[in-house]
Amino acid sequence: MLELIFAFAGDESGATAIEYGLIAALIAVGIIGAARSLGNQLSATFSNVATAMQNA
């Protein structure tokens, strides 16, 4: 029984999976932030183009 407890305490496969999950979540947050920023910039650019076309 004691060997089973030591084997369970030494098993790090679950910790590794959690670490990979956290890394994937951080990458996803970065991608979402970049996409929002890019979307805002594109929206402003298209608004400028539309205004320039109306004034032309």
Protein backbone atom coordinates (compact mmCIF):
# COMPACT_ATOMS: atom_id res chain seq x y z
CA MET A 1 0.00 0.00 0.00
CA LEU A 2 2.87 2.35 0.81
CA GLU A 3 4.39 1.68 -2.61
CA LEU A 4 1.12 2.71 -4.26
CA ILE A 5 1.12 6.03 -2.37
CA PHE A 6 4.72 6.75 -3.38
CA ALA A 7 3.96 5.84 -7.00
CA PHE A 8 0.94 8.18 -6.98
CA ALA A 9 2.98 11.01 -5.43
CA GLY A 10 5.76 10.55 -8.00
CA ASP A 11 3.45 10.52 -11.03
CA GLU A 12 3.87 13.84 -12.85
CA SER A 13 1.87 13.11 -16.00
CA GLY A 14 -1.15 15.05 -14.75
CA ALA A 15 1.01 18.06 -13.87
CA THR A 16 2.51 18.02 -17.36
CA ALA A 17 -0.93 18.00 -18.95
CA ILE A 18 -1.99 20.95 -16.79
CA GLU A 19 1.14 22.87 -17.78
CA TYR A 20 0.45 22.27 -21.47
CA GLY A 21 -3.13 23.40 -20.95
CA LEU A 22 -1.97 26.62 -19.29
CA ILE A 23 0.50 27.30 -22.10
CA ALA A 24 -2.23 26.74 -24.69
CA ALA A 25 -4.55 29.10 -22.80
CA LEU A 26 -1.90 31.83 -22.68
CA ILE A 27 -1.24 31.46 -26.40
CA ALA A 28 -4.99 31.67 -27.08
CA VAL A 29 -5.27 34.86 -25.00
CA GLY A 30 -2.39 36.36 -26.99
CA ILE A 31 -3.99 35.44 -30.30
CA ILE A 32 -7.34 36.89 -29.21
CA GLY A 33 -5.69 40.14 -28.13
CA ALA A 34 -3.79 40.44 -31.41
CA ALA A 35 -6.91 39.70 -33.45
CA ARG A 36 -8.91 42.37 -31.61
CA SER A 37 -6.17 44.93 -32.12
CA LEU A 38 -5.90 44.06 -35.79
CA GLY A 39 -9.68 44.21 -36.14
CA ASN A 40 -9.78 47.70 -34.62
CA GLN A 41 -7.03 48.89 -36.94
CA LEU A 42 -8.79 47.44 -39.99
CA SER A 43 -12.05 49.06 -38.98
CA ALA A 44 -10.36 52.44 -38.68
CA THR A 45 -8.64 51.99 -42.04
CA PHE A 46 -11.89 51.12 -43.81
CA SER A 47 -13.62 54.07 -42.17
CA ASN A 48 -10.87 56.37 -43.45
CA VAL A 49 -11.20 54.92 -46.94
CA ALA A 50 -14.97 55.30 -46.91
CA THR A 51 -14.69 58.92 -45.76
CA ALA A 52 -12.10 59.66 -48.43
CA MET A 53 -14.35 58.16 -51.12
CA GLN A 54 -17.33 60.20 -49.99
CA ASN A 55 -15.30 63.40 -50.07
CA ALA A 56 -13.84 62.66 -53.51
